Amino acid sequence: MNQIQRFRMTALAEGSSFLLLLFVAMPMKYLMGMPKVVTVVGAIHGILFLAYVAQLAKLRATHQWDNRISFYALLASLLPFGPFIFDKHLREKEVATN
């Protein structure tokens, strides 16, 4: 598995954990009185976010990604559904490197 494939997997996991946090854990906390769910899902999401940023920094260095692409990758991680939209661009980069 190459570096971009690993980044794509991390990006999709991070994006999924963000959606779980926003649309499952947060409603469970505020509507059902279950704050522990946010603690657990939030911790998992935090770890995946840090892995995403670390892999982005490594990709930027090894594949000479410019500031624009790196900014869009970082922005995608901050927006709901962003990693899924950015994945199209990552697939194109993956094909170009193979």
N, C-alpha and C. Protein backbone atom coordinates (compact mmCIF):
# COMPACT_ATOMS: atom_id res chain seq x y z
N MET A 1 0.85 -1.17 0.00
CA MET A 1 0.00 0.00 0.00
C MET A 1 0.90 1.24 0.00
N ASN A 2 0.64 2.13 -0.94
CA ASN A 2 1.48 3.32 -1.01
C ASN A 2 0.99 4.41 -0.06
N GLN A 3 1.76 5.47 0.00
CA GLN A 3 1.51 6.55 0.95
C GLN A 3 0.17 7.25 0.71
N ILE A 4 -0.20 7.46 -0.52
CA ILE A 4 -1.47 8.12 -0.82
C ILE A 4 -2.64 7.21 -0.46
N GLN A 5 -2.53 5.92 -0.69
CA GLN A 5 -3.59 4.98 -0.29
C GLN A 5 -3.79 5.00 1.22
N ARG A 6 -2.69 5.01 1.98
CA ARG A 6 -2.80 5.07 3.44
C ARG A 6 -3.46 6.38 3.87
N PHE A 7 -3.10 7.47 3.21
CA PHE A 7 -3.70 8.77 3.54
C PHE A 7 -5.19 8.75 3.22
N ARG A 8 -5.57 8.17 2.09
CA ARG A 8 -6.98 8.08 1.73
C ARG A 8 -7.76 7.29 2.77
N MET A 9 -7.21 6.18 3.23
CA MET A 9 -7.88 5.37 4.25
C MET A 9 -8.04 6.17 5.54
N THR A 10 -7.00 6.87 5.94
CA THR A 10 -7.07 7.69 7.15
C THR A 10 -8.07 8.82 6.96
N ALA A 11 -8.08 9.44 5.78
CA ALA A 11 -9.00 10.54 5.52
C ALA A 11 -10.45 10.07 5.60
N LEU A 12 -10.74 8.92 5.03
CA LEU A 12 -12.11 8.40 5.07
C LEU A 12 -12.51 7.99 6.49
N ALA A 13 -11.57 7.44 7.25
CA ALA A 13 -11.86 7.09 8.65
C ALA A 13 -12.08 8.36 9.47
N GLU A 14 -11.26 9.37 9.25
CA GLU A 14 -11.40 10.64 9.98
C GLU A 14 -12.72 11.31 9.62
N GLY A 15 -13.07 11.31 8.35
CA GLY A 15 -14.33 11.90 7.93
C GLY A 15 -15.53 11.17 8.50
N SER A 16 -15.46 9.85 8.55
CA SER A 16 -16.54 9.05 9.13
C SER A 16 -16.67 9.31 10.62
N SER A 17 -15.54 9.41 11.31
CA SER A 17 -15.60 9.66 12.75
C SER A 17 -16.17 11.05 13.04
N PHE A 18 -15.88 12.01 12.18
CA PHE A 18 -16.42 13.37 12.34
C PHE A 18 -17.94 13.35 12.18
N LEU A 19 -18.41 12.64 11.17
CA LEU A 19 -19.85 12.54 10.95
C LEU A 19 -20.54 11.81 12.11
N LEU A 20 -19.90 10.76 12.62
CA LEU A 20 -20.45 10.06 13.78
C LEU A 20 -20.52 11.00 14.99
N LEU A 21 -19.49 11.78 15.17
CA LEU A 21 -19.47 12.73 16.28
C LEU A 21 -20.59 13.75 16.16
N LEU A 22 -20.74 14.31 14.96
CA LEU A 22 -21.74 15.36 14.76
C LEU A 22 -23.17 14.85 14.75
N PHE A 23 -23.41 13.73 14.07
CA PHE A 23 -24.79 13.31 13.82
C PHE A 23 -25.28 12.13 14.67
N VAL A 24 -24.39 11.52 15.43
CA VAL A 24 -24.81 10.44 16.31
C VAL A 24 -24.48 10.78 17.77
N ALA A 25 -23.20 11.03 18.04
CA ALA A 25 -22.78 11.24 19.43
C ALA A 25 -23.35 12.52 20.03
N MET A 26 -23.31 13.61 19.29
CA MET A 26 -23.83 14.87 19.84
C MET A 26 -25.33 14.80 20.12
N PRO A 27 -26.15 14.28 19.20
CA PRO A 27 -27.57 14.12 19.56
C PRO A 27 -27.78 13.18 20.75
N MET A 28 -26.97 12.12 20.84
CA MET A 28 -27.12 11.23 21.99
C MET A 28 -26.79 11.96 23.29
N LYS A 29 -25.82 12.85 23.24
CA LYS A 29 -25.46 13.61 24.44
C LYS A 29 -26.59 14.55 24.84
N TYR A 30 -27.08 15.33 23.90
CA TYR A 30 -28.04 16.38 24.24
C TYR A 30 -29.49 15.92 24.27
N LEU A 31 -29.83 14.89 23.54
CA LEU A 31 -31.22 14.44 23.52
C LEU A 31 -31.48 13.24 24.44
N MET A 32 -30.43 12.46 24.68
CA MET A 32 -30.61 11.25 25.47
C MET A 32 -29.82 11.28 26.77
N GLY A 33 -29.08 12.37 27.00
CA GLY A 33 -28.31 12.50 28.24
C GLY A 33 -27.18 11.50 28.37
N MET A 34 -26.48 11.24 27.28
CA MET A 34 -25.39 10.27 27.28
C MET A 34 -24.07 10.96 26.88
N PRO A 35 -23.48 11.75 27.78
CA PRO A 35 -22.27 12.51 27.42
C PRO A 35 -21.04 11.64 27.17
N LYS A 36 -21.01 10.43 27.71
CA LYS A 36 -19.85 9.55 27.54
C LYS A 36 -19.62 9.19 26.07
N VAL A 37 -20.69 9.14 25.29
CA VAL A 37 -20.56 8.80 23.86
C VAL A 37 -19.70 9.84 23.16
N VAL A 38 -19.90 11.12 23.48
CA VAL A 38 -19.10 12.19 22.86
C VAL A 38 -17.65 12.06 23.29
N THR A 39 -17.42 11.68 24.53
CA THR A 39 -16.05 11.52 25.02
C THR A 39 -15.31 10.44 24.24
N VAL A 40 -15.96 9.31 24.05
CA VAL A 40 -15.32 8.18 23.35
C VAL A 40 -15.15 8.49 21.86
N VAL A 41 -16.23 8.89 21.20
CA VAL A 41 -16.15 9.16 19.75
C VAL A 41 -15.23 10.36 19.50
N GLY A 42 -15.28 11.35 20.38
CA GLY A 42 -14.41 12.52 20.23
C GLY A 42 -12.94 12.16 20.34
N ALA A 43 -12.60 11.26 21.26
CA ALA A 43 -11.21 10.82 21.40
C ALA A 43 -10.74 10.07 20.15
N ILE A 44 -11.59 9.20 19.65
CA ILE A 44 -11.24 8.46 18.43
C ILE A 44 -11.07 9.43 17.27
N HIS A 45 -11.98 10.37 17.13
CA HIS A 45 -11.88 11.36 16.06
C HIS A 45 -10.61 12.20 16.21
N GLY A 46 -10.27 12.57 17.44
CA GLY A 46 -9.06 13.36 17.66
C GLY A 46 -7.79 12.62 17.23
N ILE A 47 -7.72 11.36 17.55
CA ILE A 47 -6.56 10.55 17.15
C ILE A 47 -6.49 10.44 15.63
N LEU A 48 -7.64 10.20 15.00
CA LEU A 48 -7.66 10.11 13.53
C LEU A 48 -7.31 11.44 12.88
N PHE A 49 -7.75 12.55 13.47
CA PHE A 49 -7.42 13.87 12.94
C PHE A 49 -5.91 14.11 13.02
N LEU A 50 -5.30 13.76 14.14
CA LEU A 50 -3.85 13.93 14.27
C LEU A 50 -3.09 13.06 13.27
N ALA A 51 -3.57 11.83 13.06
CA ALA A 51 -2.96 10.96 12.06
C ALA A 51 -3.10 11.56 10.67
N TYR A 52 -4.26 12.14 10.38
CA TYR A 52 -4.52 12.79 9.09
C TYR A 52 -3.52 13.93 8.86
N VAL A 53 -3.38 14.79 9.85
CA VAL A 53 -2.47 15.94 9.71
C VAL A 53 -1.02 15.48 9.57
N ALA A 54 -0.63 14.47 10.34
CA ALA A 54 0.74 13.96 10.24
C ALA A 54 1.02 13.36 8.86
N GLN A 55 0.07 12.59 8.36
CA GLN A 55 0.25 12.00 7.03
C GLN A 55 0.22 13.07 5.95
N LEU A 56 -0.59 14.09 6.13
CA LEU A 56 -0.61 15.20 5.17
C LEU A 56 0.75 15.89 5.13
N ALA A 57 1.33 16.13 6.29
CA ALA A 57 2.66 16.77 6.33
C ALA A 57 3.70 15.91 5.64
N LYS A 58 3.63 14.60 5.85
CA LYS A 58 4.59 13.69 5.21
C LYS A 58 4.38 13.66 3.69
N LEU A 59 3.12 13.61 3.25
CA LEU A 59 2.84 13.63 1.81
C LEU A 59 3.32 14.93 1.17
N ARG A 60 3.10 16.02 1.87
CA ARG A 60 3.53 17.33 1.36
C ARG A 60 5.03 17.34 1.11
N ALA A 61 5.77 16.74 2.03
CA ALA A 61 7.23 16.72 1.90
C ALA A 61 7.69 15.74 0.82
N THR A 62 7.14 14.53 0.80
CA THR A 62 7.65 13.51 -0.12
C THR A 62 7.14 13.68 -1.55
N HIS A 63 5.93 14.21 -1.70
CA HIS A 63 5.35 14.36 -3.04
C HIS A 63 5.35 15.82 -3.52
N GLN A 64 5.99 16.70 -2.77
CA GLN A 64 6.08 18.12 -3.11
C GLN A 64 4.72 18.74 -3.44
N TRP A 65 3.74 18.49 -2.57
CA TRP A 65 2.43 19.12 -2.77
C TRP A 65 2.56 20.61 -2.51
N ASP A 66 1.93 21.41 -3.35
CA ASP A 66 2.01 22.85 -3.17
C ASP A 66 1.07 23.31 -2.04
N ASN A 67 1.16 24.60 -1.71
CA ASN A 67 0.38 25.15 -0.61
C ASN A 67 -1.13 25.03 -0.86
N ARG A 68 -1.55 25.19 -2.09
CA ARG A 68 -2.98 25.16 -2.41
C ARG A 68 -3.58 23.78 -2.13
N ILE A 69 -2.93 22.74 -2.60
CA ILE A 69 -3.44 21.37 -2.38
C ILE A 69 -3.41 21.04 -0.89
N SER A 70 -2.34 21.40 -0.22
CA SER A 70 -2.23 21.12 1.21
C SER A 70 -3.31 21.87 1.99
N PHE A 71 -3.59 23.11 1.59
CA PHE A 71 -4.63 23.89 2.25
C PHE A 71 -5.99 23.23 2.05
N TYR A 72 -6.28 22.80 0.82
CA TYR A 72 -7.57 22.14 0.56
C TYR A 72 -7.69 20.83 1.33
N ALA A 73 -6.60 20.09 1.46
CA ALA A 73 -6.63 18.84 2.23
C ALA A 73 -6.92 19.13 3.69
N LEU A 74 -6.30 20.17 4.23
CA LEU A 74 -6.54 20.53 5.63
C LEU A 74 -7.97 21.06 5.80
N LEU A 75 -8.41 21.88 4.89
CA LEU A 75 -9.78 22.41 4.95
C LEU A 75 -10.80 21.28 4.87
N ALA A 76 -10.54 20.29 4.04
CA ALA A 76 -11.45 19.16 3.90
C ALA A 76 -11.63 18.43 5.23
N SER A 77 -10.57 18.36 6.02
CA SER A 77 -10.67 17.65 7.29
C SER A 77 -11.50 18.41 8.32
N LEU A 78 -11.71 19.69 8.09
CA LEU A 78 -12.46 20.53 9.04
C LEU A 78 -13.93 20.64 8.70
N LEU A 79 -14.32 20.20 7.52
CA LEU A 79 -15.70 20.33 7.07
C LEU A 79 -16.40 18.97 7.03
N PRO A 80 -17.65 18.92 7.47
CA PRO A 80 -18.38 17.65 7.32
C PRO A 80 -18.44 17.26 5.84
N PHE A 81 -18.22 16.03 5.55
CA PHE A 81 -18.20 15.46 4.20
C PHE A 81 -16.99 15.92 3.38
N GLY A 82 -16.14 16.78 3.92
CA GLY A 82 -14.97 17.28 3.20
C GLY A 82 -14.01 16.20 2.75
N PRO A 83 -13.63 15.25 3.62
CA PRO A 83 -12.71 14.20 3.18
C PRO A 83 -13.26 13.34 2.04
N PHE A 84 -14.58 13.17 2.01
CA PHE A 84 -15.19 12.36 0.95
C PHE A 84 -15.14 13.09 -0.38
N ILE A 85 -15.30 14.39 -0.34
CA ILE A 85 -15.22 15.21 -1.56
C ILE A 85 -13.76 15.29 -2.03
N PHE A 86 -12.84 15.48 -1.09
CA PHE A 86 -11.42 15.58 -1.43
C PHE A 86 -10.85 14.24 -1.92
N ASP A 87 -11.51 13.15 -1.58
CA ASP A 87 -11.05 11.82 -1.99
C ASP A 87 -10.95 11.69 -3.51
N LYS A 88 -11.83 12.37 -4.23
CA LYS A 88 -11.77 12.33 -5.70
C LYS A 88 -10.42 12.84 -6.19
N HIS A 89 -9.96 13.93 -5.60
CA HIS A 89 -8.66 14.49 -5.96
C HIS A 89 -7.53 13.53 -5.57
N LEU A 90 -7.66 12.89 -4.41
CA LEU A 90 -6.64 11.95 -3.98
C LEU A 90 -6.55 10.74 -4.89
N ARG A 91 -7.70 10.26 -5.38
CA ARG A 91 -7.70 9.15 -6.34
C ARG A 91 -6.95 9.52 -7.60
N GLU A 92 -7.13 10.75 -8.09
CA GLU A 92 -6.42 11.22 -9.27
C GLU A 92 -4.93 11.27 -9.01
N LYS A 93 -4.53 11.75 -7.84
CA LYS A 93 -3.11 11.80 -7.48
C LYS A 93 -2.53 10.39 -7.37
N GLU A 94 -3.31 9.47 -6.84
CA GLU A 94 -2.86 8.10 -6.70
C GLU A 94 -2.60 7.45 -8.05
N VAL A 95 -3.50 7.69 -8.99
CA VAL A 95 -3.33 7.15 -10.34
C VAL A 95 -2.10 7.77 -11.00
N ALA A 96 -1.88 9.05 -10.79
CA ALA A 96 -0.76 9.75 -11.41
C ALA A 96 0.59 9.24 -10.87
N THR A 97 0.62 8.78 -9.61
CA THR A 97 1.89 8.32 -9.03
C THR A 97 2.18 6.87 -9.36
N ASN A 98 1.17 6.11 -9.81
CA ASN A 98 1.39 4.69 -10.14
C ASN A 98 1.83 4.48 -11.55
